[in-house]
Amino acid sequence: MNWSRRKISISAVAFLAGCTPLSGNHAEPGNGISASKSNLNISSHRIKDSAQTWMENYIPNVELTNEKNQKVFFYDDLLREKVVMINFFFTACSGICPLSTANLIRVQKSFGNHLGRDVFIYSITLDPETDTPEVLKRYATAFGAKPGWSFLTGDFDDIELLRHRLGIFDPDPVLDADKTQHGGLFVYGNEATGKWTAGPSMWKPSEIVRSVLRVM
């Protein structure tokens, strides 16, 4: 599909803006008072705590199953205190999905041994009825995904809720219901700091790496 015509939904923009904290590194203009380092640290911690609280209340802690047939909770096990990249796909897709996965393989190589330690990749199926853990494992193995990159399935309604909360949906409900029309976007961010944004999964691997490093 021509994913270049797709846009992040208004909800995604609101989500991303809401999760990005202010820098907190300067005093109020015109008050003649310089912020001390200790005050800045306190402000930074408050911003961080506020961002994490907002995220924890907003992102559903749904139960998913990975390609190893292990049960995990999305927020508690996969998101908390981590830098992550998240995309949605399905194994039977013949359009943007295999291209995106192949591109993320190149991103994986660029991260090297930092993958699974400093940054994590999560690919969540849009077709959980077909994409069982066994199917996901074959898919991950065929592409050469390494530890630190999880392929996830779960209850359809839970995945849909998660996808909408992450802002990866089309505002046109007809297009949104057609999984073959999904836009090939990925969300990336740092749960600990509240820095989040999104971009096309077909960005150059070097640009994806640079973008993810900016939120670390």
N, C-alpha and C. Protein backbone atom coordinates (compact mmCIF):
# COMPACT_ATOMS: atom_id res chain seq x y z
N MET A 1 0.83 -1.19 0.00
CA MET A 1 0.00 0.00 0.00
C MET A 1 0.87 1.25 0.00
N ASN A 2 0.31 2.36 -0.36
CA ASN A 2 1.05 3.62 -0.36
C ASN A 2 0.98 4.23 1.04
N TRP A 3 1.87 3.75 1.93
CA TRP A 3 1.78 4.19 3.31
C TRP A 3 2.18 5.64 3.49
N SER A 4 2.79 6.26 2.50
CA SER A 4 3.20 7.66 2.64
C SER A 4 2.00 8.59 2.77
N ARG A 5 0.83 8.13 2.34
CA ARG A 5 -0.36 8.98 2.44
C ARG A 5 -0.99 8.89 3.82
N ARG A 6 -0.51 7.95 4.63
CA ARG A 6 -1.10 7.74 5.94
C ARG A 6 -0.57 8.75 6.94
N LYS A 7 -1.35 9.07 7.93
CA LYS A 7 -0.92 9.99 8.98
C LYS A 7 -1.22 9.39 10.34
N ILE A 8 -0.41 9.78 11.30
CA ILE A 8 -0.71 9.39 12.66
C ILE A 8 -2.02 10.05 13.05
N SER A 9 -2.87 9.31 13.72
CA SER A 9 -4.18 9.86 14.09
C SER A 9 -4.04 10.99 15.08
N ILE A 10 -5.11 11.79 15.17
CA ILE A 10 -5.14 12.88 16.14
C ILE A 10 -4.93 12.34 17.55
N SER A 11 -5.50 11.19 17.83
CA SER A 11 -5.32 10.59 19.15
C SER A 11 -3.87 10.27 19.40
N ALA A 12 -3.15 9.82 18.38
CA ALA A 12 -1.74 9.51 18.55
C ALA A 12 -0.95 10.75 18.89
N VAL A 13 -1.26 11.83 18.20
CA VAL A 13 -0.56 13.08 18.47
C VAL A 13 -0.81 13.52 19.91
N ALA A 14 -2.06 13.41 20.36
CA ALA A 14 -2.38 13.78 21.73
C ALA A 14 -1.67 12.87 22.72
N PHE A 15 -1.63 11.59 22.41
CA PHE A 15 -0.95 10.63 23.27
C PHE A 15 0.53 10.96 23.38
N LEU A 16 1.15 11.18 22.24
CA LEU A 16 2.58 11.43 22.24
C LEU A 16 2.91 12.74 22.92
N ALA A 17 2.11 13.76 22.66
CA ALA A 17 2.36 15.06 23.30
C ALA A 17 2.15 14.97 24.79
N GLY A 18 1.14 14.22 25.19
CA GLY A 18 0.85 14.09 26.61
C GLY A 18 1.91 13.36 27.38
N CYS A 19 2.70 12.51 26.70
CA CYS A 19 3.70 11.72 27.39
C CYS A 19 5.08 12.34 27.34
N THR A 20 5.25 13.44 26.65
CA THR A 20 6.57 14.04 26.55
C THR A 20 6.72 15.13 27.60
N PRO A 21 7.61 14.92 28.58
CA PRO A 21 7.72 15.89 29.66
C PRO A 21 8.43 17.15 29.24
N LEU A 22 8.17 18.26 29.97
CA LEU A 22 8.93 19.48 29.76
C LEU A 22 10.34 19.27 30.29
N SER A 23 11.28 20.04 29.75
CA SER A 23 12.67 19.83 30.13
C SER A 23 12.94 20.19 31.57
N GLY A 24 12.30 21.25 32.08
CA GLY A 24 12.49 21.64 33.46
C GLY A 24 13.88 22.12 33.77
N ASN A 25 14.60 22.69 32.77
CA ASN A 25 16.00 23.04 33.01
C ASN A 25 16.26 24.54 33.03
N HIS A 26 15.22 25.34 33.28
CA HIS A 26 15.46 26.77 33.41
C HIS A 26 14.43 27.40 34.34
N ALA A 27 14.80 28.54 34.91
CA ALA A 27 13.88 29.23 35.83
C ALA A 27 12.84 29.99 35.05
N GLU A 28 11.80 30.41 35.73
CA GLU A 28 10.78 31.23 35.10
C GLU A 28 11.39 32.54 34.64
N PRO A 29 11.12 32.99 33.41
CA PRO A 29 11.73 34.22 32.92
C PRO A 29 11.25 35.43 33.70
N GLY A 30 12.20 36.36 33.97
CA GLY A 30 11.85 37.64 34.54
C GLY A 30 11.71 37.66 36.04
N ASN A 31 11.93 36.49 36.73
CA ASN A 31 11.76 36.54 38.17
C ASN A 31 13.08 36.79 38.90
N GLY A 32 14.19 36.84 38.14
CA GLY A 32 15.47 37.18 38.73
C GLY A 32 16.03 36.12 39.65
N ILE A 33 15.46 34.91 39.61
CA ILE A 33 15.93 33.84 40.48
C ILE A 33 16.48 32.72 39.62
N SER A 34 17.68 32.27 39.93
CA SER A 34 18.28 31.15 39.20
C SER A 34 17.91 29.85 39.90
N ALA A 35 17.49 28.87 39.11
CA ALA A 35 17.13 27.58 39.70
C ALA A 35 18.38 26.85 40.13
N SER A 36 18.37 26.32 41.35
CA SER A 36 19.52 25.55 41.82
C SER A 36 19.49 24.16 41.23
N LYS A 37 20.65 23.49 41.26
CA LYS A 37 20.72 22.14 40.72
C LYS A 37 19.80 21.20 41.47
N SER A 38 19.72 21.37 42.81
CA SER A 38 18.86 20.50 43.59
C SER A 38 17.40 20.71 43.24
N ASN A 39 17.02 21.99 43.01
CA ASN A 39 15.63 22.25 42.62
C ASN A 39 15.31 21.64 41.27
N LEU A 40 16.28 21.71 40.36
CA LEU A 40 16.07 21.13 39.04
C LEU A 40 15.92 19.63 39.14
N ASN A 41 16.72 19.00 40.00
CA ASN A 41 16.61 17.56 40.16
C ASN A 41 15.25 17.17 40.73
N ILE A 42 14.77 17.96 41.69
CA ILE A 42 13.44 17.69 42.25
C ILE A 42 12.38 17.84 41.18
N SER A 43 12.49 18.92 40.38
CA SER A 43 11.53 19.15 39.30
C SER A 43 11.57 18.02 38.30
N SER A 44 12.79 17.57 37.96
CA SER A 44 12.94 16.48 37.00
C SER A 44 12.29 15.21 37.51
N HIS A 45 12.48 14.91 38.81
CA HIS A 45 11.88 13.71 39.38
C HIS A 45 10.35 13.81 39.37
N ARG A 46 9.83 15.00 39.67
CA ARG A 46 8.38 15.18 39.67
C ARG A 46 7.80 14.97 38.27
N ILE A 47 8.48 15.52 37.27
CA ILE A 47 8.04 15.35 35.88
C ILE A 47 8.07 13.88 35.51
N LYS A 48 9.17 13.21 35.86
CA LYS A 48 9.30 11.78 35.56
C LYS A 48 8.19 10.98 36.22
N ASP A 49 7.97 11.22 37.52
CA ASP A 49 6.93 10.49 38.25
C ASP A 49 5.55 10.76 37.65
N SER A 50 5.29 12.02 37.27
CA SER A 50 4.01 12.37 36.68
C SER A 50 3.80 11.67 35.35
N ALA A 51 4.87 11.64 34.51
CA ALA A 51 4.78 10.98 33.21
C ALA A 51 4.53 9.50 33.37
N GLN A 52 5.23 8.86 34.32
CA GLN A 52 5.05 7.43 34.54
C GLN A 52 3.65 7.12 35.07
N THR A 53 3.17 7.95 35.98
CA THR A 53 1.83 7.75 36.52
C THR A 53 0.78 7.87 35.42
N TRP A 54 0.94 8.88 34.56
CA TRP A 54 0.01 9.08 33.44
C TRP A 54 0.04 7.87 32.52
N MET A 55 1.25 7.41 32.18
CA MET A 55 1.39 6.26 31.29
C MET A 55 0.76 5.02 31.89
N GLU A 56 1.04 4.78 33.17
CA GLU A 56 0.55 3.57 33.81
C GLU A 56 -0.97 3.55 33.85
N ASN A 57 -1.59 4.72 34.00
CA ASN A 57 -3.04 4.80 34.02
C ASN A 57 -3.65 4.73 32.62
N TYR A 58 -2.85 5.08 31.60
CA TYR A 58 -3.38 5.18 30.24
C TYR A 58 -3.16 3.90 29.43
N ILE A 59 -1.99 3.30 29.57
CA ILE A 59 -1.66 2.11 28.77
C ILE A 59 -2.18 0.86 29.47
N PRO A 60 -3.02 0.07 28.82
CA PRO A 60 -3.58 -1.12 29.47
C PRO A 60 -2.52 -2.19 29.73
N ASN A 61 -2.58 -2.76 30.89
CA ASN A 61 -1.62 -3.80 31.28
C ASN A 61 -2.17 -5.17 30.86
N VAL A 62 -2.46 -5.31 29.57
CA VAL A 62 -3.09 -6.53 29.07
C VAL A 62 -2.11 -7.70 29.08
N GLU A 63 -2.67 -8.89 29.18
CA GLU A 63 -1.84 -10.10 29.12
C GLU A 63 -1.64 -10.51 27.67
N LEU A 64 -0.39 -10.73 27.29
CA LEU A 64 -0.03 -11.18 25.96
C LEU A 64 0.79 -12.46 26.08
N THR A 65 0.99 -13.12 24.94
CA THR A 65 1.81 -14.32 24.90
C THR A 65 2.89 -14.13 23.84
N ASN A 66 4.13 -14.40 24.18
CA ASN A 66 5.21 -14.21 23.22
C ASN A 66 5.46 -15.48 22.40
N GLU A 67 6.42 -15.38 21.49
CA GLU A 67 6.70 -16.49 20.57
C GLU A 67 7.26 -17.72 21.29
N LYS A 68 7.66 -17.55 22.55
CA LYS A 68 8.13 -18.68 23.36
C LYS A 68 6.99 -19.29 24.18
N ASN A 69 5.78 -18.82 23.92
CA ASN A 69 4.58 -19.27 24.63
C ASN A 69 4.62 -18.89 26.10
N GLN A 70 5.26 -17.76 26.40
CA GLN A 70 5.32 -17.24 27.77
C GLN A 70 4.29 -16.13 27.93
N LYS A 71 3.55 -16.15 29.03
CA LYS A 71 2.58 -15.10 29.33
C LYS A 71 3.31 -13.89 29.90
N VAL A 72 2.98 -12.71 29.41
CA VAL A 72 3.58 -11.47 29.91
C VAL A 72 2.49 -10.41 30.02
N PHE A 73 2.69 -9.47 30.93
CA PHE A 73 1.80 -8.33 31.04
C PHE A 73 2.47 -7.14 30.36
N PHE A 74 1.71 -6.48 29.48
CA PHE A 74 2.31 -5.48 28.61
C PHE A 74 3.03 -4.38 29.37
N TYR A 75 2.35 -3.77 30.33
CA TYR A 75 2.99 -2.65 31.03
C TYR A 75 4.02 -3.12 32.04
N ASP A 76 3.65 -4.05 32.88
CA ASP A 76 4.54 -4.47 33.96
C ASP A 76 5.80 -5.17 33.45
N ASP A 77 5.64 -6.05 32.46
CA ASP A 77 6.76 -6.87 32.02
C ASP A 77 7.52 -6.30 30.82
N LEU A 78 6.81 -5.60 29.94
CA LEU A 78 7.44 -5.19 28.68
C LEU A 78 7.78 -3.70 28.62
N LEU A 79 7.06 -2.88 29.36
CA LEU A 79 7.21 -1.44 29.20
C LEU A 79 7.93 -0.76 30.35
N ARG A 80 7.65 -1.16 31.56
CA ARG A 80 8.13 -0.43 32.73
C ARG A 80 9.66 -0.32 32.76
N GLU A 81 10.14 0.94 32.88
CA GLU A 81 11.57 1.25 33.01
C GLU A 81 12.38 0.83 31.78
N LYS A 82 11.74 0.76 30.62
CA LYS A 82 12.45 0.31 29.42
C LYS A 82 12.34 1.34 28.29
N VAL A 83 13.30 1.29 27.38
CA VAL A 83 13.24 1.99 26.10
C VAL A 83 12.77 0.97 25.08
N VAL A 84 11.69 1.27 24.37
CA VAL A 84 11.07 0.26 23.52
C VAL A 84 10.70 0.81 22.15
N MET A 85 10.61 -0.12 21.20
CA MET A 85 10.04 0.14 19.88
C MET A 85 8.88 -0.85 19.72
N ILE A 86 7.73 -0.35 19.26
CA ILE A 86 6.54 -1.19 19.15
C ILE A 86 5.92 -1.04 17.78
N ASN A 87 5.69 -2.16 17.09
CA ASN A 87 4.96 -2.09 15.83
C ASN A 87 3.90 -3.18 15.79
N PHE A 88 2.92 -3.01 14.91
CA PHE A 88 1.84 -3.97 14.72
C PHE A 88 1.97 -4.57 13.32
N PHE A 89 1.73 -5.86 13.22
CA PHE A 89 1.92 -6.58 11.96
C PHE A 89 1.06 -7.84 12.00
N PHE A 90 1.11 -8.64 10.93
CA PHE A 90 0.57 -10.00 11.00
C PHE A 90 1.34 -10.85 9.99
N THR A 91 1.52 -12.10 10.31
CA THR A 91 2.46 -12.94 9.54
C THR A 91 1.99 -13.22 8.12
N ALA A 92 0.68 -13.20 7.87
CA ALA A 92 0.17 -13.48 6.53
C ALA A 92 0.19 -12.24 5.63
N CYS A 93 0.58 -11.11 6.18
CA CYS A 93 0.63 -9.86 5.41
C CYS A 93 1.66 -9.97 4.29
N SER A 94 1.27 -9.54 3.11
CA SER A 94 2.19 -9.59 1.96
C SER A 94 2.58 -8.19 1.50
N GLY A 95 2.17 -7.17 2.27
CA GLY A 95 2.46 -5.79 1.88
C GLY A 95 3.59 -5.20 2.69
N ILE A 96 3.23 -4.29 3.61
CA ILE A 96 4.24 -3.54 4.36
C ILE A 96 4.90 -4.38 5.45
N CYS A 97 4.23 -5.42 5.96
CA CYS A 97 4.76 -6.16 7.12
C CYS A 97 6.12 -6.80 6.89
N PRO A 98 6.28 -7.62 5.85
CA PRO A 98 7.61 -8.23 5.66
C PRO A 98 8.69 -7.20 5.35
N LEU A 99 8.32 -6.11 4.69
CA LEU A 99 9.30 -5.05 4.42
C LEU A 99 9.71 -4.38 5.73
N SER A 100 8.74 -4.12 6.59
CA SER A 100 9.03 -3.50 7.88
C SER A 100 9.89 -4.42 8.75
N THR A 101 9.53 -5.69 8.77
CA THR A 101 10.30 -6.64 9.57
C THR A 101 11.73 -6.73 9.07
N ALA A 102 11.90 -6.80 7.76
CA ALA A 102 13.25 -6.86 7.20
C ALA A 102 14.04 -5.59 7.53
N ASN A 103 13.36 -4.45 7.52
CA ASN A 103 14.04 -3.19 7.86
C ASN A 103 14.44 -3.16 9.33
N LEU A 104 13.56 -3.70 10.19
CA LEU A 104 13.88 -3.74 11.61
C LEU A 104 15.00 -4.74 11.91
N ILE A 105 15.17 -5.73 11.07
CA ILE A 105 16.32 -6.63 11.20
C ILE A 105 17.61 -5.84 11.05
N ARG A 106 17.63 -4.92 10.11
CA ARG A 106 18.81 -4.07 9.93
C ARG A 106 19.00 -3.14 11.14
N VAL A 107 17.88 -2.66 11.69
CA VAL A 107 17.96 -1.86 12.92
C VAL A 107 18.54 -2.72 14.05
N GLN A 108 18.07 -3.94 14.15
CA GLN A 108 18.56 -4.88 15.15
C GLN A 108 20.07 -5.02 15.08
N LYS A 109 20.59 -5.16 13.88
CA LYS A 109 22.04 -5.31 13.69
C LYS A 109 22.77 -4.06 14.17
N SER A 110 22.17 -2.90 13.93
CA SER A 110 22.81 -1.65 14.35
C SER A 110 22.87 -1.52 15.86
N PHE A 111 21.85 -2.02 16.56
CA PHE A 111 21.85 -1.95 18.01
C PHE A 111 22.84 -2.94 18.62
N GLY A 112 23.15 -4.01 17.91
CA GLY A 112 24.11 -4.99 18.41
C GLY A 112 23.69 -5.56 19.74
N ASN A 113 24.65 -5.65 20.69
CA ASN A 113 24.34 -6.25 21.98
C ASN A 113 23.56 -5.33 22.90
N HIS A 114 23.22 -4.13 22.44
CA HIS A 114 22.35 -3.24 23.23
C HIS A 114 20.90 -3.70 23.16
N LEU A 115 20.55 -4.47 22.11
CA LEU A 115 19.20 -5.00 22.00
C LEU A 115 18.99 -6.04 23.10
N GLY A 116 17.88 -5.88 23.81
CA GLY A 116 17.61 -6.79 24.92
C GLY A 116 18.23 -6.35 26.22
N ARG A 117 19.01 -5.29 26.17
CA ARG A 117 19.63 -4.74 27.38
C ARG A 117 19.25 -3.28 27.57
N ASP A 118 19.44 -2.47 26.54
CA ASP A 118 19.14 -1.04 26.62
C ASP A 118 17.92 -0.65 25.80
N VAL A 119 17.54 -1.48 24.86
CA VAL A 119 16.37 -1.21 24.03
C VAL A 119 15.71 -2.53 23.66
N PHE A 120 14.38 -2.51 23.55
CA PHE A 120 13.62 -3.72 23.26
C PHE A 120 12.67 -3.44 22.09
N ILE A 121 12.46 -4.45 21.25
CA ILE A 121 11.53 -4.34 20.13
C ILE A 121 10.36 -5.29 20.37
N TYR A 122 9.14 -4.80 20.16
CA TYR A 122 7.94 -5.62 20.31
C TYR A 122 7.10 -5.53 19.04
N SER A 123 6.86 -6.68 18.42
CA SER A 123 5.98 -6.76 17.26
C SER A 123 4.71 -7.50 17.68
N ILE A 124 3.58 -6.81 17.58
CA ILE A 124 2.31 -7.34 18.07
C ILE A 124 1.40 -7.66 16.90
N THR A 125 0.89 -8.88 16.85
CA THR A 125 0.07 -9.29 15.71
C THR A 125 -1.30 -8.62 15.70
N LEU A 126 -1.77 -8.33 14.51
CA LEU A 126 -3.13 -7.85 14.30
C LEU A 126 -4.09 -9.00 14.02
N ASP A 127 -3.55 -10.21 13.92
CA ASP A 127 -4.35 -11.39 13.58
C ASP A 127 -4.07 -12.50 14.59
N PRO A 128 -4.48 -12.31 15.83
CA PRO A 128 -4.13 -13.29 16.87
C PRO A 128 -4.74 -14.66 16.67
N GLU A 129 -5.84 -14.74 15.93
CA GLU A 129 -6.45 -16.05 15.69
C GLU A 129 -5.52 -16.94 14.87
N THR A 130 -4.83 -16.34 13.90
CA THR A 130 -3.90 -17.09 13.06
C THR A 130 -2.52 -17.16 13.67
N ASP A 131 -2.08 -16.04 14.23
CA ASP A 131 -0.70 -15.94 14.69
C ASP A 131 -0.56 -16.46 16.12
N THR A 132 -0.51 -17.77 16.22
CA THR A 132 -0.26 -18.42 17.50
C THR A 132 1.21 -18.25 17.86
N PRO A 133 1.59 -18.56 19.08
CA PRO A 133 3.02 -18.48 19.44
C PRO A 133 3.91 -19.30 18.51
N GLU A 134 3.42 -20.47 18.10
CA GLU A 134 4.21 -21.32 17.21
C GLU A 134 4.44 -20.64 15.86
N VAL A 135 3.38 -20.02 15.33
CA VAL A 135 3.49 -19.31 14.05
C VAL A 135 4.44 -18.12 14.19
N LEU A 136 4.32 -17.41 15.29
CA LEU A 136 5.19 -16.26 15.52
C LEU A 136 6.65 -16.69 15.65
N LYS A 137 6.88 -17.81 16.29
CA LYS A 137 8.25 -18.29 16.45
C LYS A 137 8.87 -18.63 15.10
N ARG A 138 8.09 -19.29 14.24
CA ARG A 138 8.60 -19.60 12.89
C ARG A 138 8.91 -18.33 12.12
N TYR A 139 8.04 -17.35 12.25
CA TYR A 139 8.22 -16.07 11.56
C TYR A 139 9.48 -15.36 12.06
N ALA A 140 9.62 -15.29 13.37
CA ALA A 140 10.79 -14.63 13.96
C ALA A 140 12.08 -15.32 13.56
N THR A 141 12.06 -16.66 13.57
CA THR A 141 13.25 -17.43 13.20
C THR A 141 13.59 -17.23 11.73
N ALA A 142 12.58 -17.22 10.88
CA ALA A 142 12.81 -17.06 9.44
C ALA A 142 13.48 -15.73 9.13
N PHE A 143 13.13 -14.68 9.87
CA PHE A 143 13.72 -13.37 9.62
C PHE A 143 15.04 -13.17 10.37
N GLY A 144 15.29 -14.00 11.37
CA GLY A 144 16.54 -13.85 12.12
C GLY A 144 16.44 -12.90 13.29
N ALA A 145 15.26 -12.80 13.90
CA ALA A 145 15.11 -11.94 15.08
C ALA A 145 15.89 -12.53 16.25
N LYS A 146 16.53 -11.65 17.01
CA LYS A 146 17.37 -12.07 18.13
C LYS A 146 16.71 -11.76 19.46
N PRO A 147 17.27 -12.31 20.56
CA PRO A 147 16.72 -11.99 21.89
C PRO A 147 16.69 -10.48 22.11
N GLY A 148 15.60 -10.02 22.72
CA GLY A 148 15.38 -8.59 22.86
C GLY A 148 14.31 -8.09 21.93
N TRP A 149 13.94 -8.93 20.97
CA TRP A 149 12.84 -8.64 20.04
C TRP A 149 11.78 -9.70 20.26
N SER A 150 10.64 -9.31 20.78
CA SER A 150 9.56 -10.25 21.07
C SER A 150 8.42 -10.10 20.08
N PHE A 151 7.84 -11.24 19.69
CA PHE A 151 6.67 -11.27 18.82
C PHE A 151 5.50 -11.74 19.67
N LEU A 152 4.42 -10.95 19.66
CA LEU A 152 3.39 -11.12 20.68
C LEU A 152 1.99 -11.30 20.10
N THR A 153 1.21 -12.14 20.76
CA THR A 153 -0.18 -12.35 20.42
C THR A 153 -1.01 -12.26 21.69
N GLY A 154 -2.31 -12.33 21.54
CA GLY A 154 -3.18 -12.24 22.72
C GLY A 154 -4.63 -12.19 22.29
N ASP A 155 -5.46 -11.76 23.20
CA ASP A 155 -6.88 -11.60 22.91
C ASP A 155 -7.07 -10.44 21.92
N PHE A 156 -7.92 -10.64 20.92
CA PHE A 156 -8.10 -9.62 19.88
C PHE A 156 -8.53 -8.28 20.46
N ASP A 157 -9.49 -8.30 21.38
CA ASP A 157 -9.98 -7.04 21.95
C ASP A 157 -8.90 -6.33 22.77
N ASP A 158 -8.07 -7.10 23.45
CA ASP A 158 -6.97 -6.50 24.21
C ASP A 158 -5.96 -5.83 23.28
N ILE A 159 -5.66 -6.50 22.18
CA ILE A 159 -4.71 -5.94 21.22
C ILE A 159 -5.28 -4.68 20.57
N GLU A 160 -6.57 -4.71 20.25
CA GLU A 160 -7.19 -3.53 19.66
C GLU A 160 -7.18 -2.35 20.63
N LEU A 161 -7.45 -2.62 21.90
CA LEU A 161 -7.40 -1.57 22.91
C LEU A 161 -5.99 -1.00 23.01
N LEU A 162 -5.01 -1.88 23.03
CA LEU A 162 -3.62 -1.46 23.11
C LEU A 162 -3.22 -0.63 21.90
N ARG A 163 -3.62 -1.08 20.72
CA ARG A 163 -3.29 -0.37 19.49
C ARG A 163 -3.88 1.04 19.49
N HIS A 164 -5.12 1.15 19.91
CA HIS A 164 -5.76 2.47 19.93
C HIS A 164 -5.14 3.37 21.00
N ARG A 165 -4.80 2.81 22.15
CA ARG A 165 -4.19 3.63 23.19
C ARG A 165 -2.80 4.12 22.76
N LEU A 166 -2.12 3.33 21.95
CA LEU A 166 -0.82 3.75 21.44
C LEU A 166 -0.95 4.69 20.24
N GLY A 167 -2.18 4.88 19.78
CA GLY A 167 -2.43 5.85 18.71
C GLY A 167 -2.19 5.33 17.31
N ILE A 168 -2.02 4.02 17.15
CA ILE A 168 -1.75 3.45 15.83
C ILE A 168 -3.05 2.94 15.23
N PHE A 169 -3.85 3.87 14.73
CA PHE A 169 -5.10 3.49 14.08
C PHE A 169 -5.50 4.57 13.10
N ASP A 170 -6.35 4.18 12.16
CA ASP A 170 -6.85 5.12 11.16
C ASP A 170 -8.15 5.74 11.66
N PRO A 171 -8.31 7.07 11.56
CA PRO A 171 -9.55 7.69 12.02
C PRO A 171 -10.77 7.25 11.22
N ASP A 172 -10.55 6.70 10.02
CA ASP A 172 -11.65 6.14 9.23
C ASP A 172 -11.90 4.72 9.72
N PRO A 173 -13.04 4.44 10.36
CA PRO A 173 -13.27 3.11 10.94
C PRO A 173 -13.28 1.98 9.92
N VAL A 174 -13.66 2.27 8.68
CA VAL A 174 -13.66 1.24 7.64
C VAL A 174 -12.23 0.82 7.32
N LEU A 175 -11.37 1.80 7.10
CA LEU A 175 -9.97 1.50 6.84
C LEU A 175 -9.31 0.86 8.06
N ASP A 176 -9.66 1.35 9.23
CA ASP A 176 -9.04 0.84 10.44
C ASP A 176 -9.38 -0.62 10.67
N ALA A 177 -10.58 -1.04 10.25
CA ALA A 177 -11.00 -2.42 10.44
C ALA A 177 -10.32 -3.38 9.48
N ASP A 178 -9.70 -2.84 8.43
CA ASP A 178 -9.02 -3.66 7.44
C ASP A 178 -7.54 -3.72 7.79
N LYS A 179 -7.11 -4.85 8.34
CA LYS A 179 -5.72 -4.94 8.80
C LYS A 179 -4.71 -4.85 7.66
N THR A 180 -5.15 -5.09 6.42
CA THR A 180 -4.23 -4.97 5.29
C THR A 180 -3.92 -3.51 4.96
N GLN A 181 -4.67 -2.60 5.58
CA GLN A 181 -4.49 -1.18 5.29
C GLN A 181 -3.72 -0.44 6.40
N HIS A 182 -3.18 -1.17 7.34
CA HIS A 182 -2.49 -0.48 8.43
C HIS A 182 -1.24 0.22 7.90
N GLY A 183 -0.86 1.30 8.56
CA GLY A 183 0.08 2.24 7.97
C GLY A 183 1.55 1.98 8.13
N GLY A 184 1.97 0.88 8.74
CA GLY A 184 3.39 0.62 8.86
C GLY A 184 4.12 1.59 9.77
N LEU A 185 3.47 2.05 10.84
CA LEU A 185 4.10 2.95 11.79
C LEU A 185 4.64 2.17 12.98
N PHE A 186 5.60 2.75 13.65
CA PHE A 186 6.03 2.18 14.92
C PHE A 186 6.10 3.29 15.96
N VAL A 187 5.83 2.91 17.19
CA VAL A 187 5.91 3.82 18.33
C VAL A 187 7.20 3.51 19.08
N TYR A 188 7.88 4.54 19.53
CA TYR A 188 9.07 4.27 20.33
C TYR A 188 9.16 5.29 21.45
N GLY A 189 9.72 4.85 22.57
CA GLY A 189 9.78 5.75 23.70
C GLY A 189 10.50 5.18 24.89
N ASN A 190 10.58 6.00 25.90
CA ASN A 190 11.27 5.68 27.15
C ASN A 190 10.25 5.80 28.28
N GLU A 191 9.82 4.69 28.82
CA GLU A 191 8.78 4.71 29.86
C GLU A 191 9.24 5.48 31.09
N ALA A 192 10.52 5.40 31.40
CA ALA A 192 11.03 6.02 32.62
C ALA A 192 11.01 7.54 32.56
N THR A 193 11.20 8.10 31.38
CA THR A 193 11.25 9.56 31.24
C THR A 193 9.97 10.13 30.65
N GLY A 194 9.15 9.29 30.04
CA GLY A 194 7.93 9.76 29.42
C GLY A 194 8.12 10.35 28.04
N LYS A 195 9.28 10.13 27.42
CA LYS A 195 9.53 10.62 26.07
C LYS A 195 9.04 9.60 25.05
N TRP A 196 8.06 9.98 24.23
CA TRP A 196 7.46 9.07 23.26
C TRP A 196 7.22 9.79 21.94
N THR A 197 7.33 9.06 20.86
CA THR A 197 6.97 9.57 19.54
C THR A 197 6.75 8.38 18.61
N ALA A 198 6.57 8.65 17.32
CA ALA A 198 6.29 7.58 16.36
C ALA A 198 6.86 7.95 15.01
N GLY A 199 6.98 6.97 14.15
CA GLY A 199 7.49 7.22 12.80
C GLY A 199 7.23 6.04 11.90
N PRO A 200 7.52 6.16 10.62
CA PRO A 200 7.32 5.06 9.67
C PRO A 200 8.38 3.98 9.86
N SER A 201 7.97 2.74 9.84
CA SER A 201 8.90 1.63 10.04
C SER A 201 9.84 1.44 8.87
N MET A 202 9.61 2.16 7.76
CA MET A 202 10.50 2.07 6.60
C MET A 202 11.50 3.21 6.54
N TRP A 203 11.63 3.96 7.63
CA TRP A 203 12.74 4.90 7.73
C TRP A 203 14.05 4.16 7.50
N LYS A 204 15.08 4.89 7.10
CA LYS A 204 16.41 4.28 7.02
C LYS A 204 16.80 3.76 8.40
N PRO A 205 17.38 2.57 8.48
CA PRO A 205 17.77 2.03 9.78
C PRO A 205 18.61 2.99 10.61
N SER A 206 19.52 3.70 9.97
CA SER A 206 20.37 4.64 10.71
C SER A 206 19.54 5.75 11.33
N GLU A 207 18.48 6.19 10.64
CA GLU A 207 17.61 7.24 11.17
C GLU A 207 16.77 6.72 12.33
N ILE A 208 16.31 5.47 12.22
CA ILE A 208 15.55 4.87 13.31
C ILE A 208 16.42 4.78 14.56
N VAL A 209 17.65 4.32 14.39
CA VAL A 209 18.56 4.21 15.54
C VAL A 209 18.82 5.57 16.17
N ARG A 210 19.09 6.56 15.35
CA ARG A 210 19.33 7.91 15.89
C ARG A 210 18.11 8.43 16.63
N SER A 211 16.93 8.18 16.09
CA SER A 211 15.70 8.65 16.72
C SER A 211 15.47 7.98 18.06
N VAL A 212 15.71 6.68 18.13
CA VAL A 212 15.54 5.97 19.40
C VAL A 212 16.56 6.43 20.43
N LEU A 213 17.78 6.68 19.98
CA LEU A 213 18.82 7.15 20.91
C LEU A 213 18.44 8.49 21.55
N ARG A 214 17.66 9.28 20.84
CA ARG A 214 17.27 10.60 21.37
C ARG A 214 16.35 10.50 22.58
N VAL A 215 15.65 9.39 22.73
CA VAL A 215 14.74 9.25 23.88
C VAL A 215 15.39 8.50 25.02
N MET A 216 16.61 8.05 24.86
CA MET A 216 17.27 7.25 25.90
C MET A 216 17.89 8.15 26.98
